[in-house]
Amino acid sequence: MKLRKRLGLTQKQVAAAVGVTDQTVSNWEVGRFEPRLTISQMQALCRILQCSLEELPNFIDSEKSE
């Protein structure tokens, strides 16, 4: 995830913040799986990535196309 890398975060850090495994984060990033998160997990993801909920789909969609 370009945003994650830009912030200097590892997959493990994002995974810990959201409550999933680092393999799950890796799968999201390569487009193997779509995130299925609870509201609190989504809030945690936005916090660690320093973006709003509205911005999050743009980051995910733009990175899949690259």
Foldseek 3Di string as FASTA:
>chain_A
DVLCVVVVHQLCRLCVQLVHHSVVSVCLQQVVDPDDGDPNSLVSNCVSSVHDSVCVVVVSVVSNVD
